[in-house]
Amino acid sequence: MSVTVREAGLDDLETLAELFDRYRQFYRQPADLAGARDFLAARLAGGESRLLLAERDEVALGFCQLYPCFTSIGMAPLWIINDLFVDAAVRRSGAGRALLLAARALAERQGVKRLALATERVNLPAQTLYESLGWQRDEVYLHYGLRI
């Protein structure tokens, strides 16, 4: 069976929260299912992000969360793929690829001119996937962060 991707909503909150909690644990954060549920509910209810859900035979495989932003230099909307996760048990199923392709298609339909994402330097499987889909590593700009 093939992987299908659809835009998720509040009706999918429990499924999304479980995936989101596992995603955070992948990045060495403590389990917090209630916090994951609250965080995603707030993003969805406020229209602050778009969530895509990958499924096969109605079983959730992974998700992608897109945050709207703008590129000042390009004077156009951009979306940041802040979260992309495929459950460890179904990696290499095509779910990650399907999510990225669906994100691109949704962005094109919405008039978004650029997608951006970041990943850990050691996440070589993800980097290989991104590059296979035409994503280009930024070799020009250094990106910094400041914890508040």
C-alpha atoms as a PDB file:
ATOM      1  CA  MET A   1       0.000   0.000   0.000  1.00  0.00           C
ATOM      2  CA  SER A   2       1.154   3.514  -0.676  1.00  0.00           C
ATOM      3  CA  VAL A   3       1.625   6.334   1.788  1.00  0.00           C
ATOM      4  CA  THR A   4      -1.038   9.036   1.748  1.00  0.00           C
ATOM      5  CA  VAL A   5      -0.612  12.519   3.169  1.00  0.00           C
ATOM      6  CA  ARG A   6      -3.376  14.847   4.217  1.00  0.00           C
ATOM      7  CA  GLU A   7      -3.656  18.082   6.122  1.00  0.00           C
ATOM      8  CA  ALA A   8      -4.420  17.323   9.758  1.00  0.00           C
ATOM      9  CA  GLY A   9      -6.719  19.199  12.094  1.00  0.00           C
ATOM     10  CA  LEU A  10      -7.973  19.214  15.649  1.00  0.00           C
ATOM     11  CA  ASP A  11      -9.768  15.896  15.023  1.00  0.00           C
ATOM     12  CA  ASP A  12      -6.305  14.336  14.652  1.00  0.00           C
ATOM     13  CA  LEU A  13      -4.943  15.811  17.877  1.00  0.00           C
ATOM     14  CA  GLU A  14      -4.449  12.552  19.797  1.00  0.00           C
ATOM     15  CA  THR A  15      -2.607  10.875  16.925  1.00  0.00           C
ATOM     16  CA  LEU A  16      -0.493  13.975  16.288  1.00  0.00           C
ATOM     17  CA  ALA A  17       0.332  14.384  19.984  1.00  0.00           C
ATOM     18  CA  GLU A  18       1.659  10.819  20.207  1.00  0.00           C
ATOM     19  CA  LEU A  19       3.866  11.343  17.146  1.00  0.00           C
ATOM     20  CA  PHE A  20       4.973  14.777  18.360  1.00  0.00           C
ATOM     21  CA  ASP A  21       5.919  13.380  21.761  1.00  0.00           C
ATOM     22  CA  ARG A  22       8.061  10.670  20.101  1.00  0.00           C
ATOM     23  CA  TYR A  23       9.596  13.337  17.843  1.00  0.00           C
ATOM     24  CA  ARG A  24      10.656  15.365  20.873  1.00  0.00           C
ATOM     25  CA  GLN A  25      12.086  12.254  22.525  1.00  0.00           C
ATOM     26  CA  PHE A  26      14.120  11.621  19.342  1.00  0.00           C
ATOM     27  CA  TYR A  27      15.706  15.010  20.058  1.00  0.00           C
ATOM     28  CA  ARG A  28      16.502  13.949  23.636  1.00  0.00           C
ATOM     29  CA  GLN A  29      13.589  15.702  25.346  1.00  0.00           C
ATOM     30  CA  PRO A  30      11.613  14.066  28.164  1.00  0.00           C
ATOM     31  CA  ALA A  31       8.298  12.449  27.324  1.00  0.00           C
ATOM     32  CA  ASP A  32       5.392  14.858  27.820  1.00  0.00           C
ATOM     33  CA  LEU A  33       2.263  13.693  26.036  1.00  0.00           C
ATOM     34  CA  ALA A  34       0.002  16.237  27.758  1.00  0.00           C
ATOM     35  CA  GLY A  35       2.390  19.053  26.866  1.00  0.00           C
ATOM     36  CA  ALA A  36       2.575  17.829  23.262  1.00  0.00           C
ATOM     37  CA  ARG A  37      -1.226  17.770  23.057  1.00  0.00           C
ATOM     38  CA  ASP A  38      -1.536  21.287  24.513  1.00  0.00           C
ATOM     39  CA  PHE A  39       1.189  22.698  22.264  1.00  0.00           C
ATOM     40  CA  LEU A  40      -0.309  21.280  19.072  1.00  0.00           C
ATOM     41  CA  ALA A  41      -3.863  22.217  20.063  1.00  0.00           C
ATOM     42  CA  ALA A  42      -2.773  25.827  20.510  1.00  0.00           C
ATOM     43  CA  ARG A  43      -0.985  25.893  17.131  1.00  0.00           C
ATOM     44  CA  LEU A  44      -3.982  24.409  15.327  1.00  0.00           C
ATOM     45  CA  ALA A  45      -6.637  26.448  17.113  1.00  0.00           C
ATOM     46  CA  GLY A  46      -4.737  29.673  16.475  1.00  0.00           C
ATOM     47  CA  GLY A  47      -3.967  28.884  12.841  1.00  0.00           C
ATOM     48  CA  GLU A  48      -0.281  29.289  13.676  1.00  0.00           C
ATOM     49  CA  SER A  49       0.911  26.241  11.770  1.00  0.00           C
ATOM     50  CA  ARG A  50      -0.156  23.699   9.190  1.00  0.00           C
ATOM     51  CA  LEU A  51       0.238  20.012   9.987  1.00  0.00           C
ATOM     52  CA  LEU A  52       0.487  17.219   7.456  1.00  0.00           C
ATOM     53  CA  LEU A  53      -0.105  13.621   8.484  1.00  0.00           C
ATOM     54  CA  ALA A  54       1.320  10.622   6.617  1.00  0.00           C
ATOM     55  CA  GLU A  55      -0.719   7.414   6.809  1.00  0.00           C
ATOM     56  CA  ARG A  56      -0.847   3.937   5.352  1.00  0.00           C
ATOM     57  CA  ASP A  57      -4.048   1.950   5.763  1.00  0.00           C
ATOM     58  CA  GLU A  58      -5.270   4.590   8.259  1.00  0.00           C
ATOM     59  CA  VAL A  59      -2.194   4.042  10.464  1.00  0.00           C
ATOM     60  CA  ALA A  60      -0.223   7.208  11.247  1.00  0.00           C
ATOM     61  CA  LEU A  61       3.392   7.026  10.074  1.00  0.00           C
ATOM     62  CA  GLY A  62       4.651  10.558  10.620  1.00  0.00           C
ATOM     63  CA  PHE A  63       3.950  14.258  10.399  1.00  0.00           C
ATOM     64  CA  CYS A  64       5.297  17.554   9.140  1.00  0.00           C
ATOM     65  CA  GLN A  65       4.621  20.907  10.792  1.00  0.00           C
ATOM     66  CA  LEU A  66       4.943  24.087   8.747  1.00  0.00           C
ATOM     67  CA  TYR A  67       5.198  27.552  10.262  1.00  0.00           C
ATOM     68  CA  PRO A  68       4.398  30.607   8.125  1.00  0.00           C
ATOM     69  CA  CYS A  69       6.998  33.317   7.869  1.00  0.00           C
ATOM     70  CA  PHE A  70       8.285  35.804   5.285  1.00  0.00           C
ATOM     71  CA  THR A  71      11.463  36.372   3.343  1.00  0.00           C
ATOM     72  CA  SER A  72      12.196  40.083   3.409  1.00  0.00           C
ATOM     73  CA  ILE A  73      14.835  39.838   0.695  1.00  0.00           C
ATOM     74  CA  GLY A  74      12.472  37.903  -1.564  1.00  0.00           C
ATOM     75  CA  MET A  75       9.455  39.914  -0.407  1.00  0.00           C
ATOM     76  CA  ALA A  76       7.366  36.775  -0.314  1.00  0.00           C
ATOM     77  CA  PRO A  77       5.903  34.230   2.089  1.00  0.00           C
ATOM     78  CA  LEU A  78       8.006  31.287   3.193  1.00  0.00           C
ATOM     79  CA  TRP A  79       7.219  28.314   5.374  1.00  0.00           C
ATOM     80  CA  ILE A  80       9.604  26.792   7.853  1.00  0.00           C
ATOM     81  CA  ILE A  81       9.390  23.039   8.179  1.00  0.00           C
ATOM     82  CA  ASN A  82      10.217  23.084  11.846  1.00  0.00           C
ATOM     83  CA  ASP A  83       9.168  19.504  12.511  1.00  0.00           C
ATOM     84  CA  LEU A  84       9.421  16.465  10.262  1.00  0.00           C
ATOM     85  CA  PHE A  85       9.129  13.060  11.855  1.00  0.00           C
ATOM     86  CA  VAL A  86       8.551   9.486  10.778  1.00  0.00           C
ATOM     87  CA  ASP A  87       8.058   6.844  13.463  1.00  0.00           C
ATOM     88  CA  ALA A  88      11.198   4.735  13.859  1.00  0.00           C
ATOM     89  CA  ALA A  89       9.292   1.511  13.106  1.00  0.00           C
ATOM     90  CA  VAL A  90       8.339   2.737   9.615  1.00  0.00           C
ATOM     91  CA  ARG A  91      11.388   4.700   8.512  1.00  0.00           C
ATOM     92  CA  ARG A  92      12.364   4.084   4.888  1.00  0.00           C
ATOM     93  CA  SER A  93       8.680   3.509   4.076  1.00  0.00           C
ATOM     94  CA  GLY A  94       8.483   6.570   1.846  1.00  0.00           C
ATOM     95  CA  ALA A  95       6.604   8.571   4.474  1.00  0.00           C
ATOM     96  CA  GLY A  96       9.291  11.245   4.827  1.00  0.00           C
ATOM     97  CA  ARG A  97       9.494  11.701   1.080  1.00  0.00           C
ATOM     98  CA  ALA A  98       5.691  11.842   0.815  1.00  0.00           C
ATOM     99  CA  LEU A  99       5.500  14.471   3.564  1.00  0.00           C
ATOM    100  CA  LEU A 100       8.116  16.676   1.904  1.00  0.00           C
ATOM    101  CA  LEU A 101       6.434  16.384  -1.481  1.00  0.00           C
ATOM    102  CA  ALA A 102       3.047  17.197   0.053  1.00  0.00           C
ATOM    103  CA  ALA A 103       4.543  20.211   1.858  1.00  0.00           C
ATOM    104  CA  ARG A 104       5.944  21.459  -1.427  1.00  0.00           C
ATOM    105  CA  ALA A 105       2.641  20.949  -3.255  1.00  0.00           C
ATOM    106  CA  LEU A 106       0.683  22.725  -0.503  1.00  0.00           C
ATOM    107  CA  ALA A 107       3.171  25.610  -0.526  1.00  0.00           C
ATOM    108  CA  GLU A 108       2.859  25.957  -4.298  1.00  0.00           C
ATOM    109  CA  ARG A 109      -0.945  26.006  -4.071  1.00  0.00           C
ATOM    110  CA  GLN A 110      -0.794  28.671  -1.349  1.00  0.00           C
ATOM    111  CA  GLY A 111       1.648  30.909  -3.245  1.00  0.00           C
ATOM    112  CA  VAL A 112       4.516  30.304  -0.847  1.00  0.00           C
ATOM    113  CA  LYS A 113       7.820  31.004  -2.582  1.00  0.00           C
ATOM    114  CA  ARG A 114      10.266  29.163  -0.329  1.00  0.00           C
ATOM    115  CA  LEU A 115      10.460  26.303   2.139  1.00  0.00           C
ATOM    116  CA  ALA A 116      13.201  26.140   4.766  1.00  0.00           C
ATOM    117  CA  LEU A 117      14.289  23.477   7.226  1.00  0.00           C
ATOM    118  CA  ALA A 118      17.172  22.552   9.478  1.00  0.00           C
ATOM    119  CA  THR A 119      18.460  19.240  10.738  1.00  0.00           C
ATOM    120  CA  GLU A 120      21.233  18.011  12.968  1.00  0.00           C
ATOM    121  CA  ARG A 121      24.625  17.726  11.281  1.00  0.00           C
ATOM    122  CA  VAL A 122      24.735  14.023  12.169  1.00  0.00           C
ATOM    123  CA  ASN A 123      21.324  13.209  10.632  1.00  0.00           C
ATOM    124  CA  LEU A 124      22.753  11.919   7.364  1.00  0.00           C
ATOM    125  CA  PRO A 125      19.691   9.886   6.313  1.00  0.00           C
ATOM    126  CA  ALA A 126      17.548  13.046   6.459  1.00  0.00           C
ATOM    127  CA  GLN A 127      20.153  15.055   4.551  1.00  0.00           C
ATOM    128  CA  THR A 128      20.269  12.410   1.845  1.00  0.00           C
ATOM    129  CA  LEU A 129      16.480  12.530   1.514  1.00  0.00           C
ATOM    130  CA  TYR A 130      16.404  16.328   1.316  1.00  0.00           C
ATOM    131  CA  GLU A 131      19.098  16.470  -1.329  1.00  0.00           C
ATOM    132  CA  SER A 132      17.397  13.736  -3.379  1.00  0.00           C
ATOM    133  CA  LEU A 133      14.355  16.032  -3.582  1.00  0.00           C
ATOM    134  CA  GLY A 134      16.346  19.055  -4.729  1.00  0.00           C
ATOM    135  CA  TRP A 135      16.842  20.788  -1.382  1.00  0.00           C
ATOM    136  CA  GLN A 136      20.104  22.701  -1.243  1.00  0.00           C
ATOM    137  CA  ARG A 137      22.323  23.124   1.779  1.00  0.00           C
ATOM    138  CA  ASP A 138      22.946  26.779   2.659  1.00  0.00           C
ATOM    139  CA  GLU A 139      26.654  27.375   2.153  1.00  0.00           C
ATOM    140  CA  VAL A 140      26.379  31.189   2.221  1.00  0.00           C
ATOM    141  CA  TYR A 141      24.748  32.147   5.520  1.00  0.00           C
ATOM    142  CA  LEU A 142      25.528  31.110   9.060  1.00  0.00           C
ATOM    143  CA  HIS A 143      22.466  30.759  11.250  1.00  0.00           C
ATOM    144  CA  TYR A 144      22.563  31.677  14.924  1.00  0.00           C
ATOM    145  CA  GLY A 145      20.180  31.272  17.831  1.00  0.00           C
ATOM    146  CA  LEU A 146      19.740  32.899  21.214  1.00  0.00           C
ATOM    147  CA  ARG A 147      17.968  31.162  24.091  1.00  0.00           C
ATOM    148  CA  ILE A 148      15.759  33.499  26.102  1.00  0.00           C
END
